[in-house]
Amino acid sequence: MTAGKPAIEVKGTDKTPAVRLDSDTGDLSISGCSIPENADRFFSPLFDLVEVYAAKPAPRTTVHVRLSYFNSSSSKYLLDILKRLEDLHATGDSVVSMHWYHAAGDLDMEEAGHDYGSLLEFPVVVEGS
């Protein structure tokens, strides 16, 4: 990692997703299950680190979301993070895109990916596996 640039690496649990941000490449990965008992306590520090990243972003920021399930409070915080990245995209400081992965046949997660895509002003690709 470059000195002064943040790196996020949070190991996932049975209730919280694994999160990794490589500030050099701009790759942000969120994977696993997101049903934290206190979503604010889990997501607020991540949002703060994304804020720091946004001050000195990589030229491209690619978000990879591979969630098997997430609850409504996680959905709100995830959207907050994605909206912050949307602001980054709008300024032209970094070209932002997202890949939303879902299990084949998981219509709820596929629909969630499309829903986020309709709310964001950067490219979102929804892919089944």
N, C-alpha and C. Protein backbone atom coordinates (compact mmCIF):
# COMPACT_ATOMS: atom_id res chain seq x y z
N MET A 1 0.83 -1.18 0.00
CA MET A 1 0.00 0.00 0.00
C MET A 1 0.88 1.25 0.00
N THR A 2 0.40 2.27 -0.63
CA THR A 2 1.11 3.53 -0.69
C THR A 2 0.98 4.23 0.65
N ALA A 3 2.07 4.84 1.10
CA ALA A 3 2.05 5.56 2.37
C ALA A 3 0.99 6.65 2.32
N GLY A 4 0.21 6.75 3.39
CA GLY A 4 -0.80 7.77 3.48
C GLY A 4 -2.14 7.38 2.89
N LYS A 5 -2.20 6.29 2.16
CA LYS A 5 -3.47 5.83 1.60
C LYS A 5 -4.05 4.75 2.50
N PRO A 6 -5.36 4.78 2.73
CA PRO A 6 -5.96 3.79 3.62
C PRO A 6 -6.09 2.43 2.95
N ALA A 7 -6.07 1.44 3.75
CA ALA A 7 -6.38 0.08 3.30
C ALA A 7 -7.37 -0.47 4.30
N ILE A 8 -8.38 -1.11 3.79
CA ILE A 8 -9.38 -1.73 4.65
C ILE A 8 -9.28 -3.23 4.46
N GLU A 9 -9.21 -3.94 5.55
CA GLU A 9 -9.30 -5.40 5.49
C GLU A 9 -10.00 -5.86 6.75
N VAL A 10 -11.25 -6.26 6.58
CA VAL A 10 -12.07 -6.73 7.69
C VAL A 10 -12.43 -8.17 7.40
N LYS A 11 -12.11 -9.04 8.31
CA LYS A 11 -12.46 -10.45 8.13
C LYS A 11 -13.96 -10.63 8.38
N GLY A 12 -14.56 -11.45 7.56
CA GLY A 12 -15.98 -11.72 7.70
C GLY A 12 -16.27 -12.67 8.86
N THR A 13 -17.48 -12.58 9.37
CA THR A 13 -17.97 -13.51 10.38
C THR A 13 -19.27 -14.11 9.86
N ASP A 14 -19.95 -14.88 10.68
CA ASP A 14 -21.23 -15.42 10.24
C ASP A 14 -22.30 -14.34 10.12
N LYS A 15 -22.06 -13.15 10.70
CA LYS A 15 -23.05 -12.07 10.65
C LYS A 15 -22.55 -10.81 9.93
N THR A 16 -21.26 -10.73 9.64
CA THR A 16 -20.73 -9.53 8.98
C THR A 16 -19.89 -9.92 7.77
N PRO A 17 -19.93 -9.10 6.75
CA PRO A 17 -19.21 -9.43 5.52
C PRO A 17 -17.71 -9.17 5.65
N ALA A 18 -16.95 -9.85 4.83
CA ALA A 18 -15.53 -9.53 4.67
C ALA A 18 -15.47 -8.30 3.76
N VAL A 19 -14.60 -7.37 4.11
CA VAL A 19 -14.46 -6.14 3.32
C VAL A 19 -12.98 -5.91 3.09
N ARG A 20 -12.65 -5.61 1.84
CA ARG A 20 -11.25 -5.31 1.52
C ARG A 20 -11.22 -4.18 0.51
N LEU A 21 -10.42 -3.17 0.81
CA LEU A 21 -10.18 -2.08 -0.12
C LEU A 21 -8.68 -1.97 -0.34
N ASP A 22 -8.27 -2.14 -1.59
CA ASP A 22 -6.88 -1.92 -1.97
C ASP A 22 -6.82 -0.51 -2.53
N SER A 23 -6.25 0.40 -1.78
CA SER A 23 -6.26 1.80 -2.19
C SER A 23 -5.36 2.07 -3.38
N ASP A 24 -4.42 1.18 -3.67
CA ASP A 24 -3.56 1.36 -4.83
C ASP A 24 -4.29 1.02 -6.12
N THR A 25 -5.04 -0.08 -6.12
CA THR A 25 -5.75 -0.51 -7.33
C THR A 25 -7.18 0.02 -7.39
N GLY A 26 -7.72 0.45 -6.26
CA GLY A 26 -9.10 0.92 -6.22
C GLY A 26 -10.11 -0.19 -6.17
N ASP A 27 -9.68 -1.41 -5.85
CA ASP A 27 -10.61 -2.54 -5.75
C ASP A 27 -11.22 -2.62 -4.36
N LEU A 28 -12.54 -2.56 -4.30
CA LEU A 28 -13.28 -2.71 -3.05
C LEU A 28 -14.13 -3.96 -3.16
N SER A 29 -13.95 -4.89 -2.23
CA SER A 29 -14.68 -6.15 -2.23
C SER A 29 -15.48 -6.29 -0.94
N ILE A 30 -16.75 -6.63 -1.09
CA ILE A 30 -17.64 -6.87 0.05
C ILE A 30 -18.28 -8.23 -0.20
N SER A 31 -18.04 -9.18 0.71
CA SER A 31 -18.55 -10.54 0.45
C SER A 31 -18.98 -11.23 1.74
N GLY A 32 -19.93 -12.14 1.58
CA GLY A 32 -20.41 -12.93 2.70
C GLY A 32 -21.85 -12.59 3.04
N CYS A 33 -22.15 -12.64 4.31
CA CYS A 33 -23.49 -12.38 4.84
C CYS A 33 -23.43 -11.11 5.67
N SER A 34 -24.44 -10.25 5.54
CA SER A 34 -24.43 -8.99 6.30
C SER A 34 -25.72 -8.84 7.09
N ILE A 35 -25.65 -9.34 8.33
CA ILE A 35 -26.76 -9.18 9.27
C ILE A 35 -26.20 -8.79 10.64
N PRO A 36 -25.40 -7.70 10.68
CA PRO A 36 -24.79 -7.33 11.95
C PRO A 36 -25.85 -6.92 12.97
N GLU A 37 -25.58 -7.21 14.24
CA GLU A 37 -26.52 -6.82 15.30
C GLU A 37 -26.59 -5.31 15.42
N ASN A 38 -25.46 -4.63 15.17
CA ASN A 38 -25.43 -3.17 15.20
C ASN A 38 -24.79 -2.70 13.90
N ALA A 39 -25.61 -2.44 12.90
CA ALA A 39 -25.11 -2.07 11.57
C ALA A 39 -24.30 -0.78 11.62
N ASP A 40 -24.72 0.18 12.44
CA ASP A 40 -23.99 1.43 12.54
C ASP A 40 -22.56 1.19 13.03
N ARG A 41 -22.41 0.37 14.03
CA ARG A 41 -21.08 0.10 14.58
C ARG A 41 -20.19 -0.62 13.55
N PHE A 42 -20.77 -1.46 12.71
CA PHE A 42 -19.99 -2.15 11.70
C PHE A 42 -19.67 -1.24 10.52
N PHE A 43 -20.68 -0.54 9.98
CA PHE A 43 -20.49 0.20 8.73
C PHE A 43 -19.91 1.60 8.88
N SER A 44 -20.15 2.27 9.99
CA SER A 44 -19.65 3.64 10.14
C SER A 44 -18.14 3.75 9.98
N PRO A 45 -17.35 2.88 10.60
CA PRO A 45 -15.90 2.97 10.37
C PRO A 45 -15.51 2.72 8.91
N LEU A 46 -16.25 1.84 8.23
CA LEU A 46 -15.98 1.59 6.82
C LEU A 46 -16.28 2.83 5.98
N PHE A 47 -17.40 3.48 6.29
CA PHE A 47 -17.75 4.71 5.57
C PHE A 47 -16.66 5.76 5.77
N ASP A 48 -16.18 5.88 7.00
CA ASP A 48 -15.13 6.86 7.30
C ASP A 48 -13.87 6.57 6.50
N LEU A 49 -13.50 5.30 6.38
CA LEU A 49 -12.31 4.95 5.61
C LEU A 49 -12.52 5.17 4.11
N VAL A 50 -13.73 4.96 3.62
CA VAL A 50 -14.02 5.27 2.22
C VAL A 50 -13.91 6.78 2.00
N GLU A 51 -14.32 7.57 2.99
CA GLU A 51 -14.16 9.03 2.91
C GLU A 51 -12.68 9.39 2.76
N VAL A 52 -11.83 8.76 3.54
CA VAL A 52 -10.39 9.03 3.46
C VAL A 52 -9.86 8.60 2.09
N TYR A 53 -10.28 7.43 1.63
CA TYR A 53 -9.89 6.95 0.30
C TYR A 53 -10.31 7.95 -0.77
N ALA A 54 -11.52 8.48 -0.66
CA ALA A 54 -12.06 9.39 -1.68
C ALA A 54 -11.24 10.68 -1.79
N ALA A 55 -10.51 11.01 -0.75
CA ALA A 55 -9.67 12.21 -0.81
C ALA A 55 -8.47 12.01 -1.75
N LYS A 56 -8.01 10.76 -1.88
CA LYS A 56 -6.88 10.43 -2.76
C LYS A 56 -7.14 9.08 -3.41
N PRO A 57 -8.13 9.03 -4.32
CA PRO A 57 -8.52 7.73 -4.88
C PRO A 57 -7.59 7.26 -6.00
N ALA A 58 -7.70 5.99 -6.29
CA ALA A 58 -7.06 5.43 -7.48
C ALA A 58 -7.82 5.97 -8.70
N PRO A 59 -7.20 5.96 -9.87
CA PRO A 59 -7.89 6.45 -11.08
C PRO A 59 -9.18 5.69 -11.38
N ARG A 60 -9.21 4.40 -11.02
CA ARG A 60 -10.41 3.58 -11.20
C ARG A 60 -10.76 2.95 -9.86
N THR A 61 -12.03 2.94 -9.56
CA THR A 61 -12.52 2.27 -8.35
C THR A 61 -13.54 1.23 -8.81
N THR A 62 -13.27 -0.03 -8.50
CA THR A 62 -14.17 -1.11 -8.88
C THR A 62 -14.68 -1.80 -7.62
N VAL A 63 -15.99 -1.82 -7.47
CA VAL A 63 -16.64 -2.43 -6.32
C VAL A 63 -17.11 -3.82 -6.74
N HIS A 64 -16.78 -4.82 -5.93
CA HIS A 64 -17.22 -6.20 -6.16
C HIS A 64 -18.07 -6.60 -4.96
N VAL A 65 -19.34 -6.84 -5.17
CA VAL A 65 -20.24 -7.23 -4.08
C VAL A 65 -20.67 -8.67 -4.32
N ARG A 66 -20.35 -9.51 -3.34
CA ARG A 66 -20.73 -10.94 -3.38
C ARG A 66 -21.40 -11.29 -2.05
N LEU A 67 -22.60 -10.81 -1.87
CA LEU A 67 -23.32 -11.08 -0.63
C LEU A 67 -24.30 -12.22 -0.83
N SER A 68 -24.32 -13.13 0.12
CA SER A 68 -25.30 -14.22 0.06
C SER A 68 -26.64 -13.76 0.62
N TYR A 69 -26.58 -12.80 1.55
CA TYR A 69 -27.78 -12.25 2.16
C TYR A 69 -27.40 -10.97 2.88
N PHE A 70 -28.32 -10.00 2.93
CA PHE A 70 -28.13 -8.81 3.75
C PHE A 70 -29.48 -8.32 4.23
N ASN A 71 -29.49 -7.71 5.43
CA ASN A 71 -30.73 -7.23 5.99
C ASN A 71 -30.96 -5.77 5.60
N SER A 72 -32.10 -5.22 5.99
CA SER A 72 -32.47 -3.88 5.55
C SER A 72 -31.54 -2.81 6.11
N SER A 73 -31.04 -2.98 7.33
CA SER A 73 -30.12 -1.97 7.86
C SER A 73 -28.79 -2.01 7.11
N SER A 74 -28.34 -3.18 6.73
CA SER A 74 -27.12 -3.29 5.92
C SER A 74 -27.33 -2.63 4.56
N SER A 75 -28.52 -2.79 4.01
CA SER A 75 -28.84 -2.21 2.71
C SER A 75 -28.68 -0.69 2.74
N LYS A 76 -29.15 -0.06 3.79
CA LYS A 76 -29.06 1.39 3.93
C LYS A 76 -27.61 1.83 4.01
N TYR A 77 -26.81 1.17 4.82
CA TYR A 77 -25.41 1.56 4.99
C TYR A 77 -24.61 1.27 3.72
N LEU A 78 -24.91 0.17 3.07
CA LEU A 78 -24.23 -0.13 1.81
C LEU A 78 -24.54 0.95 0.77
N LEU A 79 -25.80 1.37 0.71
CA LEU A 79 -26.16 2.44 -0.22
C LEU A 79 -25.42 3.73 0.12
N ASP A 80 -25.27 4.04 1.41
CA ASP A 80 -24.52 5.24 1.81
C ASP A 80 -23.09 5.19 1.27
N ILE A 81 -22.44 4.05 1.39
CA ILE A 81 -21.07 3.90 0.89
C ILE A 81 -21.05 4.05 -0.63
N LEU A 82 -21.99 3.40 -1.29
CA LEU A 82 -22.04 3.48 -2.76
C LEU A 82 -22.37 4.88 -3.24
N LYS A 83 -23.21 5.60 -2.52
CA LYS A 83 -23.52 6.98 -2.89
C LYS A 83 -22.29 7.87 -2.73
N ARG A 84 -21.46 7.58 -1.72
CA ARG A 84 -20.22 8.36 -1.56
C ARG A 84 -19.30 8.09 -2.75
N LEU A 85 -19.25 6.86 -3.19
CA LEU A 85 -18.45 6.53 -4.37
C LEU A 85 -19.06 7.14 -5.63
N GLU A 86 -20.38 7.26 -5.66
CA GLU A 86 -21.03 7.92 -6.78
C GLU A 86 -20.58 9.39 -6.86
N ASP A 87 -20.48 10.04 -5.71
CA ASP A 87 -19.98 11.42 -5.67
C ASP A 87 -18.56 11.49 -6.23
N LEU A 88 -17.74 10.52 -5.88
CA LEU A 88 -16.36 10.45 -6.37
C LEU A 88 -16.37 10.31 -7.90
N HIS A 89 -17.24 9.46 -8.40
CA HIS A 89 -17.37 9.25 -9.84
C HIS A 89 -17.80 10.55 -10.54
N ALA A 90 -18.75 11.26 -9.92
CA ALA A 90 -19.28 12.48 -10.52
C ALA A 90 -18.23 13.58 -10.64
N THR A 91 -17.28 13.60 -9.70
CA THR A 91 -16.23 14.64 -9.74
C THR A 91 -15.19 14.33 -10.81
N GLY A 92 -15.15 13.07 -11.26
CA GLY A 92 -14.15 12.68 -12.24
C GLY A 92 -12.81 12.31 -11.62
N ASP A 93 -12.75 12.30 -10.28
CA ASP A 93 -11.50 11.95 -9.60
C ASP A 93 -11.19 10.47 -9.72
N SER A 94 -12.20 9.65 -9.93
CA SER A 94 -12.03 8.21 -10.11
C SER A 94 -13.22 7.70 -10.92
N VAL A 95 -12.94 6.81 -11.86
CA VAL A 95 -14.02 6.17 -12.62
C VAL A 95 -14.50 4.99 -11.80
N VAL A 96 -15.75 5.03 -11.37
CA VAL A 96 -16.29 4.01 -10.46
C VAL A 96 -17.22 3.08 -11.23
N SER A 97 -17.13 1.79 -10.94
CA SER A 97 -18.07 0.80 -11.47
C SER A 97 -18.28 -0.27 -10.41
N MET A 98 -19.35 -1.03 -10.57
CA MET A 98 -19.65 -2.08 -9.59
C MET A 98 -20.06 -3.36 -10.32
N HIS A 99 -19.58 -4.47 -9.78
CA HIS A 99 -20.01 -5.80 -10.20
C HIS A 99 -20.77 -6.41 -9.03
N TRP A 100 -22.01 -6.73 -9.25
CA TRP A 100 -22.87 -7.33 -8.22
C TRP A 100 -23.04 -8.80 -8.59
N TYR A 101 -22.51 -9.68 -7.79
CA TYR A 101 -22.56 -11.11 -8.07
C TYR A 101 -23.65 -11.77 -7.22
N HIS A 102 -24.36 -12.71 -7.80
CA HIS A 102 -25.38 -13.46 -7.06
C HIS A 102 -25.32 -14.91 -7.50
N ALA A 103 -25.76 -15.78 -6.62
CA ALA A 103 -25.83 -17.20 -6.96
C ALA A 103 -26.87 -17.41 -8.04
N ALA A 104 -26.59 -18.35 -8.93
CA ALA A 104 -27.55 -18.67 -9.99
C ALA A 104 -28.88 -19.04 -9.36
N GLY A 105 -29.93 -18.43 -9.85
CA GLY A 105 -31.26 -18.74 -9.33
C GLY A 105 -31.68 -17.94 -8.11
N ASP A 106 -30.78 -17.13 -7.55
CA ASP A 106 -31.13 -16.31 -6.38
C ASP A 106 -31.74 -15.01 -6.89
N LEU A 107 -33.04 -15.06 -7.12
CA LEU A 107 -33.74 -13.92 -7.72
C LEU A 107 -33.76 -12.70 -6.81
N ASP A 108 -33.80 -12.91 -5.49
CA ASP A 108 -33.79 -11.78 -4.56
C ASP A 108 -32.49 -11.00 -4.66
N MET A 109 -31.36 -11.71 -4.68
CA MET A 109 -30.08 -11.02 -4.77
C MET A 109 -29.86 -10.43 -6.16
N GLU A 110 -30.37 -11.10 -7.18
CA GLU A 110 -30.27 -10.54 -8.53
C GLU A 110 -31.06 -9.23 -8.61
N GLU A 111 -32.27 -9.24 -8.06
CA GLU A 111 -33.10 -8.04 -8.06
C GLU A 111 -32.45 -6.92 -7.25
N ALA A 112 -31.84 -7.27 -6.13
CA ALA A 112 -31.16 -6.26 -5.32
C ALA A 112 -30.06 -5.58 -6.12
N GLY A 113 -29.30 -6.36 -6.89
CA GLY A 113 -28.26 -5.78 -7.73
C GLY A 113 -28.83 -4.81 -8.74
N HIS A 114 -29.94 -5.18 -9.37
CA HIS A 114 -30.59 -4.29 -10.33
C HIS A 114 -31.14 -3.04 -9.63
N ASP A 115 -31.67 -3.22 -8.42
CA ASP A 115 -32.17 -2.07 -7.66
C ASP A 115 -31.06 -1.07 -7.38
N TYR A 116 -29.91 -1.57 -6.91
CA TYR A 116 -28.78 -0.66 -6.68
C TYR A 116 -28.36 0.01 -7.98
N GLY A 117 -28.34 -0.75 -9.06
CA GLY A 117 -27.97 -0.19 -10.35
C GLY A 117 -28.87 0.96 -10.77
N SER A 118 -30.16 0.86 -10.44
CA SER A 118 -31.10 1.92 -10.81
C SER A 118 -30.94 3.16 -9.92
N LEU A 119 -30.32 3.00 -8.77
CA LEU A 119 -30.14 4.11 -7.83
C LEU A 119 -28.82 4.85 -8.00
N LEU A 120 -27.90 4.27 -8.75
CA LEU A 120 -26.54 4.80 -8.84
C LEU A 120 -26.24 5.35 -10.22
N GLU A 121 -25.42 6.38 -10.25
CA GLU A 121 -25.04 7.03 -11.50
C GLU A 121 -23.65 6.60 -11.94
N PHE A 122 -23.36 5.32 -11.80
CA PHE A 122 -22.16 4.73 -12.37
C PHE A 122 -22.52 3.32 -12.83
N PRO A 123 -21.71 2.73 -13.71
CA PRO A 123 -22.06 1.41 -14.26
C PRO A 123 -22.14 0.32 -13.21
N VAL A 124 -23.20 -0.48 -13.29
CA VAL A 124 -23.39 -1.63 -12.40
C VAL A 124 -23.69 -2.84 -13.28
N VAL A 125 -22.88 -3.88 -13.12
CA VAL A 125 -23.07 -5.13 -13.86
C VAL A 125 -23.56 -6.17 -12.86
N VAL A 126 -24.69 -6.81 -13.14
CA VAL A 126 -25.24 -7.85 -12.28
C VAL A 126 -24.94 -9.19 -12.95
N GLU A 127 -24.24 -10.06 -12.21
CA GLU A 127 -23.78 -11.32 -12.78
C GLU A 127 -24.17 -12.50 -11.90
N GLY A 128 -24.74 -13.52 -12.51
CA GLY A 128 -25.03 -14.76 -11.80
C GLY A 128 -23.88 -15.73 -11.93
N SER A 129 -23.74 -16.58 -10.92
CA SER A 129 -22.65 -17.58 -10.97
C SER A 129 -23.18 -18.97 -10.68
